mmCIF file of all heavy atoms, coordinates in Angstrom:
data_MODEL
# 
_entry.id   MODEL 
# 
loop_
_atom_site.group_PDB 
_atom_site.id 
_atom_site.type_symbol 
_atom_site.label_atom_id 
_atom_site.label_alt_id 
_atom_site.label_comp_id 
_atom_site.label_asym_id 
_atom_site.label_entity_id 
_atom_site.label_seq_id 
_atom_site.pdbx_PDB_ins_code 
_atom_site.Cartn_x 
_atom_site.Cartn_y 
_atom_site.Cartn_z 
_atom_site.occupancy 
_atom_site.B_iso_or_equiv 
_atom_site.pdbx_formal_charge 
_atom_site.auth_seq_id 
_atom_site.auth_comp_id 
_atom_site.auth_asym_id 
_atom_site.auth_atom_id 
_atom_site.pdbx_PDB_model_num 
ATOM 1   N N   . ASP A 1 1  ? -17.332 11.660 42.365 1.00 0.00 ? 1  ASP A N   1 
ATOM 2   C CA  . ASP A 1 1  ? -18.778 11.619 42.116 1.00 0.00 ? 1  ASP A CA  1 
ATOM 3   C C   . ASP A 1 1  ? -19.587 11.497 43.400 1.00 0.00 ? 1  ASP A C   1 
ATOM 4   O O   . ASP A 1 1  ? -20.819 11.641 43.383 1.00 0.00 ? 1  ASP A O   1 
ATOM 5   C CB  . ASP A 1 1  ? -19.131 10.441 41.202 1.00 0.00 ? 1  ASP A CB  1 
ATOM 6   C CG  . ASP A 1 1  ? -18.597 10.610 39.787 1.00 0.00 ? 1  ASP A CG  1 
ATOM 7   O OD1 . ASP A 1 1  ? -18.380 11.771 39.374 1.00 0.00 ? 1  ASP A OD1 1 
ATOM 8   O OD2 . ASP A 1 1  ? -18.378 9.587  39.111 1.00 0.00 ? 1  ASP A OD2 1 
ATOM 9   N N   . MET A 1 2  ? -18.918 11.209 44.511 1.00 0.00 ? 2  MET A N   1 
ATOM 10  C CA  . MET A 1 2  ? -19.646 10.937 45.740 1.00 0.00 ? 2  MET A CA  1 
ATOM 11  C C   . MET A 1 2  ? -20.345 12.172 46.294 1.00 0.00 ? 2  MET A C   1 
ATOM 12  O O   . MET A 1 2  ? -21.505 12.107 46.720 1.00 0.00 ? 2  MET A O   1 
ATOM 13  C CB  . MET A 1 2  ? -18.698 10.340 46.781 1.00 0.00 ? 2  MET A CB  1 
ATOM 14  C CG  . MET A 1 2  ? -18.220 8.937  46.447 1.00 0.00 ? 2  MET A CG  1 
ATOM 15  S SD  . MET A 1 2  ? -17.107 8.289  47.722 1.00 0.00 ? 2  MET A SD  1 
ATOM 16  C CE  . MET A 1 2  ? -16.730 6.660  47.051 1.00 0.00 ? 2  MET A CE  1 
ATOM 17  N N   . LEU A 1 3  ? -19.662 13.305 46.310 1.00 0.00 ? 3  LEU A N   1 
ATOM 18  C CA  . LEU A 1 3  ? -20.274 14.530 46.822 1.00 0.00 ? 3  LEU A CA  1 
ATOM 19  C C   . LEU A 1 3  ? -21.538 14.899 46.049 1.00 0.00 ? 3  LEU A C   1 
ATOM 20  O O   . LEU A 1 3  ? -22.593 15.136 46.663 1.00 0.00 ? 3  LEU A O   1 
ATOM 21  C CB  . LEU A 1 3  ? -19.262 15.681 46.767 1.00 0.00 ? 3  LEU A CB  1 
ATOM 22  C CG  . LEU A 1 3  ? -18.441 15.931 48.030 1.00 0.00 ? 3  LEU A CG  1 
ATOM 23  C CD1 . LEU A 1 3  ? -17.331 16.934 47.741 1.00 0.00 ? 3  LEU A CD1 1 
ATOM 24  C CD2 . LEU A 1 3  ? -19.333 16.464 49.129 1.00 0.00 ? 3  LEU A CD2 1 
ATOM 25  N N   . PRO A 1 4  ? -21.499 14.969 44.713 1.00 0.00 ? 4  PRO A N   1 
ATOM 26  C CA  . PRO A 1 4  ? -22.727 15.278 43.974 1.00 0.00 ? 4  PRO A CA  1 
ATOM 27  C C   . PRO A 1 4  ? -23.835 14.255 44.216 1.00 0.00 ? 4  PRO A C   1 
ATOM 28  O O   . PRO A 1 4  ? -25.015 14.625 44.333 1.00 0.00 ? 4  PRO A O   1 
ATOM 29  C CB  . PRO A 1 4  ? -22.269 15.269 42.514 1.00 0.00 ? 4  PRO A CB  1 
ATOM 30  C CG  . PRO A 1 4  ? -20.810 15.548 42.561 1.00 0.00 ? 4  PRO A CG  1 
ATOM 31  C CD  . PRO A 1 4  ? -20.325 14.913 43.818 1.00 0.00 ? 4  PRO A CD  1 
ATOM 32  N N   . ALA A 1 5  ? -23.462 12.972 44.284 1.00 0.00 ? 5  ALA A N   1 
ATOM 33  C CA  . ALA A 1 5  ? -24.470 11.934 44.507 1.00 0.00 ? 5  ALA A CA  1 
ATOM 34  C C   . ALA A 1 5  ? -25.121 12.084 45.878 1.00 0.00 ? 5  ALA A C   1 
ATOM 35  O O   . ALA A 1 5  ? -26.335 11.883 46.032 1.00 0.00 ? 5  ALA A O   1 
ATOM 36  C CB  . ALA A 1 5  ? -23.842 10.550 44.365 1.00 0.00 ? 5  ALA A CB  1 
ATOM 37  N N   . LEU A 1 6  ? -24.338 12.447 46.871 1.00 0.00 ? 6  LEU A N   1 
ATOM 38  C CA  . LEU A 1 6  ? -24.878 12.661 48.210 1.00 0.00 ? 6  LEU A CA  1 
ATOM 39  C C   . LEU A 1 6  ? -25.788 13.890 48.221 1.00 0.00 ? 6  LEU A C   1 
ATOM 40  O O   . LEU A 1 6  ? -26.884 13.869 48.784 1.00 0.00 ? 6  LEU A O   1 
ATOM 41  C CB  . LEU A 1 6  ? -23.733 12.847 49.200 1.00 0.00 ? 6  LEU A CB  1 
ATOM 42  C CG  . LEU A 1 6  ? -24.100 12.844 50.684 1.00 0.00 ? 6  LEU A CG  1 
ATOM 43  C CD1 . LEU A 1 6  ? -24.571 11.466 51.127 1.00 0.00 ? 6  LEU A CD1 1 
ATOM 44  C CD2 . LEU A 1 6  ? -22.906 13.289 51.535 1.00 0.00 ? 6  LEU A CD2 1 
ATOM 45  N N   . ASN A 1 7  ? -25.329 14.950 47.578 1.00 0.00 ? 7  ASN A N   1 
ATOM 46  C CA  . ASN A 1 7  ? -26.086 16.198 47.536 1.00 0.00 ? 7  ASN A CA  1 
ATOM 47  C C   . ASN A 1 7  ? -27.410 16.028 46.800 1.00 0.00 ? 7  ASN A C   1 
ATOM 48  O O   . ASN A 1 7  ? -28.418 16.653 47.157 1.00 0.00 ? 7  ASN A O   1 
ATOM 49  C CB  . ASN A 1 7  ? -25.250 17.281 46.861 1.00 0.00 ? 7  ASN A CB  1 
ATOM 50  C CG  . ASN A 1 7  ? -25.854 18.661 47.012 1.00 0.00 ? 7  ASN A CG  1 
ATOM 51  O OD1 . ASN A 1 7  ? -26.398 19.014 48.058 1.00 0.00 ? 7  ASN A OD1 1 
ATOM 52  N ND2 . ASN A 1 7  ? -25.756 19.457 45.965 1.00 0.00 ? 7  ASN A ND2 1 
ATOM 53  N N   . ASN A 1 8  ? -27.429 15.173 45.797 1.00 0.00 ? 8  ASN A N   1 
ATOM 54  C CA  . ASN A 1 8  ? -28.628 14.966 44.989 1.00 0.00 ? 8  ASN A CA  1 
ATOM 55  C C   . ASN A 1 8  ? -29.542 13.870 45.540 1.00 0.00 ? 8  ASN A C   1 
ATOM 56  O O   . ASN A 1 8  ? -30.575 13.573 44.942 1.00 0.00 ? 8  ASN A O   1 
ATOM 57  C CB  . ASN A 1 8  ? -28.244 14.624 43.544 1.00 0.00 ? 8  ASN A CB  1 
ATOM 58  C CG  . ASN A 1 8  ? -27.556 15.778 42.847 1.00 0.00 ? 8  ASN A CG  1 
ATOM 59  O OD1 . ASN A 1 8  ? -27.798 16.936 43.175 1.00 0.00 ? 8  ASN A OD1 1 
ATOM 60  N ND2 . ASN A 1 8  ? -26.682 15.468 41.889 1.00 0.00 ? 8  ASN A ND2 1 
ATOM 61  N N   . GLY A 1 9  ? -29.150 13.261 46.641 1.00 0.00 ? 9  GLY A N   1 
ATOM 62  C CA  . GLY A 1 9  ? -29.979 12.232 47.245 1.00 0.00 ? 9  GLY A CA  1 
ATOM 63  C C   . GLY A 1 9  ? -29.905 10.880 46.573 1.00 0.00 ? 9  GLY A C   1 
ATOM 64  O O   . GLY A 1 9  ? -30.698 9.993  46.877 1.00 0.00 ? 9  GLY A O   1 
ATOM 65  N N   . VAL A 1 10 ? -28.946 10.699 45.667 1.00 0.00 ? 10 VAL A N   1 
ATOM 66  C CA  . VAL A 1 10 ? -28.786 9.413  44.990 1.00 0.00 ? 10 VAL A CA  1 
ATOM 67  C C   . VAL A 1 10 ? -28.313 8.347  45.970 1.00 0.00 ? 10 VAL A C   1 
ATOM 68  O O   . VAL A 1 10 ? -28.662 7.172  45.857 1.00 0.00 ? 10 VAL A O   1 
ATOM 69  C CB  . VAL A 1 10 ? -27.803 9.545  43.804 1.00 0.00 ? 10 VAL A CB  1 
ATOM 70  C CG1 . VAL A 1 10 ? -27.518 8.193  43.158 1.00 0.00 ? 10 VAL A CG1 1 
ATOM 71  C CG2 . VAL A 1 10 ? -28.333 10.531 42.780 1.00 0.00 ? 10 VAL A CG2 1 
ATOM 72  N N   . ILE A 1 11 ? -27.478 8.754  46.915 1.00 0.00 ? 11 ILE A N   1 
ATOM 73  C CA  . ILE A 1 11 ? -26.961 7.845  47.935 1.00 0.00 ? 11 ILE A CA  1 
ATOM 74  C C   . ILE A 1 11 ? -27.239 8.444  49.307 1.00 0.00 ? 11 ILE A C   1 
ATOM 75  O O   . ILE A 1 11 ? -27.423 9.651  49.451 1.00 0.00 ? 11 ILE A O   1 
ATOM 76  C CB  . ILE A 1 11 ? -25.446 7.581  47.766 1.00 0.00 ? 11 ILE A CB  1 
ATOM 77  C CG1 . ILE A 1 11 ? -24.653 8.897  47.787 1.00 0.00 ? 11 ILE A CG1 1 
ATOM 78  C CG2 . ILE A 1 11 ? -25.175 6.801  46.493 1.00 0.00 ? 11 ILE A CG2 1 
ATOM 79  C CD1 . ILE A 1 11 ? -23.151 8.722  47.737 1.00 0.00 ? 11 ILE A CD1 1 
ATOM 80  N N   . GLY A 1 12 ? -27.234 7.571  50.298 1.00 0.00 ? 12 GLY A N   1 
ATOM 81  C CA  . GLY A 1 12 ? -27.419 8.042  51.665 1.00 0.00 ? 12 GLY A CA  1 
ATOM 82  C C   . GLY A 1 12 ? -26.118 8.390  52.340 1.00 0.00 ? 12 GLY A C   1 
ATOM 83  O O   . GLY A 1 12 ? -26.093 9.075  53.372 1.00 0.00 ? 12 GLY A O   1 
ATOM 84  N N   . GLY A 1 13 ? -25.008 7.892  51.782 1.00 0.00 ? 13 GLY A N   1 
ATOM 85  C CA  . GLY A 1 13 ? -23.704 8.165  52.366 1.00 0.00 ? 13 GLY A CA  1 
ATOM 86  C C   . GLY A 1 13 ? -22.609 7.528  51.542 1.00 0.00 ? 13 GLY A C   1 
ATOM 87  O O   . GLY A 1 13 ? -22.871 6.842  50.542 1.00 0.00 ? 13 GLY A O   1 
ATOM 88  N N   . TYR A 1 14 ? -21.388 7.763  51.950 1.00 0.00 ? 14 TYR A N   1 
ATOM 89  C CA  . TYR A 1 14 ? -20.239 7.136  51.304 1.00 0.00 ? 14 TYR A CA  1 
ATOM 90  C C   . TYR A 1 14 ? -19.116 6.959  52.306 1.00 0.00 ? 14 TYR A C   1 
ATOM 91  O O   . TYR A 1 14 ? -19.035 7.660  53.315 1.00 0.00 ? 14 TYR A O   1 
ATOM 92  C CB  . TYR A 1 14 ? -19.768 7.931  50.079 1.00 0.00 ? 14 TYR A CB  1 
ATOM 93  C CG  . TYR A 1 14 ? -19.339 9.366  50.324 1.00 0.00 ? 14 TYR A CG  1 
ATOM 94  C CD1 . TYR A 1 14 ? -18.120 9.680  50.926 1.00 0.00 ? 14 TYR A CD1 1 
ATOM 95  C CD2 . TYR A 1 14 ? -20.140 10.430 49.903 1.00 0.00 ? 14 TYR A CD2 1 
ATOM 96  C CE1 . TYR A 1 14 ? -17.712 10.993 51.118 1.00 0.00 ? 14 TYR A CE1 1 
ATOM 97  C CE2 . TYR A 1 14 ? -19.744 11.743 50.082 1.00 0.00 ? 14 TYR A CE2 1 
ATOM 98  C CZ  . TYR A 1 14 ? -18.530 12.022 50.687 1.00 0.00 ? 14 TYR A CZ  1 
ATOM 99  O OH  . TYR A 1 14 ? -18.133 13.325 50.878 1.00 0.00 ? 14 TYR A OH  1 
ATOM 100 N N   . THR A 1 15 ? -18.262 6.007  52.018 1.00 0.00 ? 15 THR A N   1 
ATOM 101 C CA  . THR A 1 15 ? -17.073 5.797  52.823 1.00 0.00 ? 15 THR A CA  1 
ATOM 102 C C   . THR A 1 15 ? -15.869 5.867  51.909 1.00 0.00 ? 15 THR A C   1 
ATOM 103 O O   . THR A 1 15 ? -15.803 5.192  50.882 1.00 0.00 ? 15 THR A O   1 
ATOM 104 C CB  . THR A 1 15 ? -17.119 4.456  53.589 1.00 0.00 ? 15 THR A CB  1 
ATOM 105 O OG1 . THR A 1 15 ? -15.896 4.276  54.322 1.00 0.00 ? 15 THR A OG1 1 
ATOM 106 C CG2 . THR A 1 15 ? -17.335 3.275  52.647 1.00 0.00 ? 15 THR A CG2 1 
ATOM 107 N N   . VAL A 1 16 ? -14.901 6.712  52.281 1.00 0.00 ? 16 VAL A N   1 
ATOM 108 C CA  . VAL A 1 16 ? -13.793 7.006  51.386 1.00 0.00 ? 16 VAL A CA  1 
ATOM 109 C C   . VAL A 1 16 ? -12.684 7.676  52.179 1.00 0.00 ? 16 VAL A C   1 
ATOM 110 O O   . VAL A 1 16 ? -12.873 8.068  53.336 1.00 0.00 ? 16 VAL A O   1 
ATOM 111 C CB  . VAL A 1 16 ? -14.268 7.927  50.227 1.00 0.00 ? 16 VAL A CB  1 
ATOM 112 C CG1 . VAL A 1 16 ? -14.522 9.348  50.724 1.00 0.00 ? 16 VAL A CG1 1 
ATOM 113 C CG2 . VAL A 1 16 ? -13.313 7.927  49.046 1.00 0.00 ? 16 VAL A CG2 1 
ATOM 114 N N   . ALA A 1 17 ? -11.538 7.837  51.545 1.00 0.00 ? 17 ALA A N   1 
ATOM 115 C CA  . ALA A 1 17 ? -10.420 8.546  52.164 1.00 0.00 ? 17 ALA A CA  1 
ATOM 116 C C   . ALA A 1 17 ? -10.655 10.048 52.116 1.00 0.00 ? 17 ALA A C   1 
ATOM 117 O O   . ALA A 1 17 ? -11.434 10.556 51.314 1.00 0.00 ? 17 ALA A O   1 
ATOM 118 C CB  . ALA A 1 17 ? -9.119  8.199  51.437 1.00 0.00 ? 17 ALA A CB  1 
ATOM 119 N N   . ASP A 1 18 ? -9.980  10.753 52.983 1.00 0.00 ? 18 ASP A N   1 
ATOM 120 C CA  . ASP A 1 18 ? -9.972  12.201 52.909 1.00 0.00 ? 18 ASP A CA  1 
ATOM 121 C C   . ASP A 1 18 ? -9.098  12.656 51.742 1.00 0.00 ? 18 ASP A C   1 
ATOM 122 O O   . ASP A 1 18 ? -8.236  11.897 51.300 1.00 0.00 ? 18 ASP A O   1 
ATOM 123 C CB  . ASP A 1 18 ? -9.440  12.777 54.226 1.00 0.00 ? 18 ASP A CB  1 
ATOM 124 C CG  . ASP A 1 18 ? -10.572 13.147 55.182 1.00 0.00 ? 18 ASP A CG  1 
ATOM 125 O OD1 . ASP A 1 18 ? -11.603 13.644 54.689 1.00 0.00 ? 18 ASP A OD1 1 
ATOM 126 O OD2 . ASP A 1 18 ? -10.423 12.934 56.393 1.00 0.00 ? 18 ASP A OD2 1 
ATOM 127 N N   . PRO A 1 19 ? -9.339  13.852 51.205 1.00 0.00 ? 19 PRO A N   1 
ATOM 128 C CA  . PRO A 1 19 ? -10.140 14.937 51.789 1.00 0.00 ? 19 PRO A CA  1 
ATOM 129 C C   . PRO A 1 19 ? -11.602 14.952 51.388 1.00 0.00 ? 19 PRO A C   1 
ATOM 130 O O   . PRO A 1 19 ? -12.261 15.975 51.563 1.00 0.00 ? 19 PRO A O   1 
ATOM 131 C CB  . PRO A 1 19 ? -9.414  16.182 51.270 1.00 0.00 ? 19 PRO A CB  1 
ATOM 132 C CG  . PRO A 1 19 ? -8.933  15.792 49.931 1.00 0.00 ? 19 PRO A CG  1 
ATOM 133 C CD  . PRO A 1 19 ? -8.531  14.328 50.061 1.00 0.00 ? 19 PRO A CD  1 
ATOM 134 N N   . PHE A 1 20 ? -12.145 13.865 50.872 1.00 0.00 ? 20 PHE A N   1 
ATOM 135 C CA  . PHE A 1 20 ? -13.531 13.887 50.410 1.00 0.00 ? 20 PHE A CA  1 
ATOM 136 C C   . PHE A 1 20 ? -14.531 13.957 51.556 1.00 0.00 ? 20 PHE A C   1 
ATOM 137 O O   . PHE A 1 20 ? -15.637 14.483 51.384 1.00 0.00 ? 20 PHE A O   1 
ATOM 138 C CB  . PHE A 1 20 ? -13.794 12.675 49.515 1.00 0.00 ? 20 PHE A CB  1 
ATOM 139 C CG  . PHE A 1 20 ? -13.067 12.748 48.206 1.00 0.00 ? 20 PHE A CG  1 
ATOM 140 C CD1 . PHE A 1 20 ? -11.877 12.072 48.018 1.00 0.00 ? 20 PHE A CD1 1 
ATOM 141 C CD2 . PHE A 1 20 ? -13.553 13.520 47.171 1.00 0.00 ? 20 PHE A CD2 1 
ATOM 142 C CE1 . PHE A 1 20 ? -11.189 12.152 46.811 1.00 0.00 ? 20 PHE A CE1 1 
ATOM 143 C CE2 . PHE A 1 20 ? -12.876 13.616 45.970 1.00 0.00 ? 20 PHE A CE2 1 
ATOM 144 C CZ  . PHE A 1 20 ? -11.687 12.931 45.784 1.00 0.00 ? 20 PHE A CZ  1 
ATOM 145 N N   . ASN A 1 21 ? -14.177 13.438 52.724 1.00 0.00 ? 21 ASN A N   1 
ATOM 146 C CA  . ASN A 1 21 ? -15.065 13.582 53.876 1.00 0.00 ? 21 ASN A CA  1 
ATOM 147 C C   . ASN A 1 21 ? -15.029 15.015 54.393 1.00 0.00 ? 21 ASN A C   1 
ATOM 148 O O   . ASN A 1 21 ? -16.072 15.614 54.678 1.00 0.00 ? 21 ASN A O   1 
ATOM 149 C CB  . ASN A 1 21 ? -14.654 12.603 54.980 1.00 0.00 ? 21 ASN A CB  1 
ATOM 150 C CG  . ASN A 1 21 ? -14.646 11.165 54.501 1.00 0.00 ? 21 ASN A CG  1 
ATOM 151 O OD1 . ASN A 1 21 ? -15.680 10.589 54.222 1.00 0.00 ? 21 ASN A OD1 1 
ATOM 152 N ND2 . ASN A 1 21 ? -13.456 10.577 54.396 1.00 0.00 ? 21 ASN A ND2 1 
ATOM 153 N N   . ALA A 1 22 ? -13.839 15.568 54.488 1.00 0.00 ? 22 ALA A N   1 
ATOM 154 C CA  . ALA A 1 22 ? -13.703 16.951 54.925 1.00 0.00 ? 22 ALA A CA  1 
ATOM 155 C C   . ALA A 1 22 ? -14.390 17.904 53.953 1.00 0.00 ? 22 ALA A C   1 
ATOM 156 O O   . ALA A 1 22 ? -14.977 18.914 54.357 1.00 0.00 ? 22 ALA A O   1 
ATOM 157 C CB  . ALA A 1 22 ? -12.223 17.313 55.057 1.00 0.00 ? 22 ALA A CB  1 
ATOM 158 N N   . ALA A 1 23 ? -14.350 17.578 52.661 1.00 0.00 ? 23 ALA A N   1 
ATOM 159 C CA  . ALA A 1 23 ? -14.978 18.437 51.652 1.00 0.00 ? 23 ALA A CA  1 
ATOM 160 C C   . ALA A 1 23 ? -16.493 18.465 51.820 1.00 0.00 ? 23 ALA A C   1 
ATOM 161 O O   . ALA A 1 23 ? -17.130 19.515 51.642 1.00 0.00 ? 23 ALA A O   1 
ATOM 162 C CB  . ALA A 1 23 ? -14.616 17.949 50.256 1.00 0.00 ? 23 ALA A CB  1 
ATOM 163 N N   . ALA A 1 24 ? -17.093 17.333 52.161 1.00 0.00 ? 24 ALA A N   1 
ATOM 164 C CA  . ALA A 1 24 ? -18.542 17.294 52.359 1.00 0.00 ? 24 ALA A CA  1 
ATOM 165 C C   . ALA A 1 24 ? -18.953 18.205 53.505 1.00 0.00 ? 24 ALA A C   1 
ATOM 166 O O   . ALA A 1 24 ? -19.956 18.936 53.416 1.00 0.00 ? 24 ALA A O   1 
ATOM 167 C CB  . ALA A 1 24 ? -19.000 15.863 52.625 1.00 0.00 ? 24 ALA A CB  1 
ATOM 168 N N   . ALA A 1 25 ? -18.193 18.164 54.579 1.00 0.00 ? 25 ALA A N   1 
ATOM 169 C CA  . ALA A 1 25 ? -18.491 19.036 55.719 1.00 0.00 ? 25 ALA A CA  1 
ATOM 170 C C   . ALA A 1 25 ? -18.283 20.499 55.356 1.00 0.00 ? 25 ALA A C   1 
ATOM 171 O O   . ALA A 1 25 ? -19.090 21.363 55.717 1.00 0.00 ? 25 ALA A O   1 
ATOM 172 C CB  . ALA A 1 25 ? -17.614 18.645 56.899 1.00 0.00 ? 25 ALA A CB  1 
ATOM 173 N N   . ALA A 1 26 ? -17.217 20.790 54.620 1.00 0.00 ? 26 ALA A N   1 
ATOM 174 C CA  . ALA A 1 26 ? -16.916 22.171 54.246 1.00 0.00 ? 26 ALA A CA  1 
ATOM 175 C C   . ALA A 1 26 ? -18.001 22.762 53.358 1.00 0.00 ? 26 ALA A C   1 
ATOM 176 O O   . ALA A 1 26 ? -18.299 23.958 53.429 1.00 0.00 ? 26 ALA A O   1 
ATOM 177 C CB  . ALA A 1 26 ? -15.563 22.242 53.543 1.00 0.00 ? 26 ALA A CB  1 
ATOM 178 N N   . GLN A 1 27 ? -18.623 21.927 52.519 1.00 0.00 ? 27 GLN A N   1 
ATOM 179 C CA  . GLN A 1 27 ? -19.657 22.399 51.603 1.00 0.00 ? 27 GLN A CA  1 
ATOM 180 C C   . GLN A 1 27 ? -21.067 22.194 52.147 1.00 0.00 ? 27 GLN A C   1 
ATOM 181 O O   . GLN A 1 27 ? -22.050 22.451 51.457 1.00 0.00 ? 27 GLN A O   1 
ATOM 182 C CB  . GLN A 1 27 ? -19.518 21.669 50.260 1.00 0.00 ? 27 GLN A CB  1 
ATOM 183 C CG  . GLN A 1 27 ? -18.202 21.931 49.554 1.00 0.00 ? 27 GLN A CG  1 
ATOM 184 C CD  . GLN A 1 27 ? -18.074 21.159 48.251 1.00 0.00 ? 27 GLN A CD  1 
ATOM 185 O OE1 . GLN A 1 27 ? -19.069 20.862 47.592 1.00 0.00 ? 27 GLN A OE1 1 
ATOM 186 N NE2 . GLN A 1 27 ? -16.842 20.824 47.872 1.00 0.00 ? 27 GLN A NE2 1 
ATOM 187 N N   . SER A 1 28 ? -21.166 21.711 53.396 1.00 0.00 ? 28 SER A N   1 
ATOM 188 C CA  . SER A 1 28 ? -22.462 21.457 54.044 1.00 0.00 ? 28 SER A CA  1 
ATOM 189 C C   . SER A 1 28 ? -23.338 20.490 53.239 1.00 0.00 ? 28 SER A C   1 
ATOM 190 O O   . SER A 1 28 ? -24.573 20.576 53.261 1.00 0.00 ? 28 SER A O   1 
ATOM 191 C CB  . SER A 1 28 ? -23.217 22.777 54.267 1.00 0.00 ? 28 SER A CB  1 
ATOM 192 O OG  . SER A 1 28 ? -22.463 23.643 55.096 1.00 0.00 ? 28 SER A OG  1 
ATOM 193 N N   . VAL A 1 29 ? -22.674 19.582 52.534 1.00 0.00 ? 29 VAL A N   1 
ATOM 194 C CA  . VAL A 1 29 ? -23.390 18.566 51.759 1.00 0.00 ? 29 VAL A CA  1 
ATOM 195 C C   . VAL A 1 29 ? -23.715 17.363 52.632 1.00 0.00 ? 29 VAL A C   1 
ATOM 196 O O   . VAL A 1 29 ? -24.722 16.676 52.427 1.00 0.00 ? 29 VAL A O   1 
ATOM 197 C CB  . VAL A 1 29 ? -22.547 18.142 50.536 1.00 0.00 ? 29 VAL A CB  1 
ATOM 198 C CG1 . VAL A 1 29 ? -23.167 16.949 49.828 1.00 0.00 ? 29 VAL A CG1 1 
ATOM 199 C CG2 . VAL A 1 29 ? -22.403 19.314 49.572 1.00 0.00 ? 29 VAL A CG2 1 
ATOM 200 N N   . GLY A 1 30 ? -22.882 17.095 53.599 1.00 0.00 ? 30 GLY A N   1 
ATOM 201 C CA  . GLY A 1 30 ? -23.071 15.961 54.477 1.00 0.00 ? 30 GLY A CA  1 
ATOM 202 C C   . GLY A 1 30 ? -22.191 16.102 55.701 1.00 0.00 ? 30 GLY A C   1 
ATOM 203 O O   . GLY A 1 30 ? -21.446 17.091 55.845 1.00 0.00 ? 30 GLY A O   1 
# 
């Protein structure tokens, strides 16, 4: 849920294990 929440402005950021950080960069979400 972190990627959609970041993309929608619900949160300013998240801290988590990969590959969720790499996924945000790949999708230009964060």
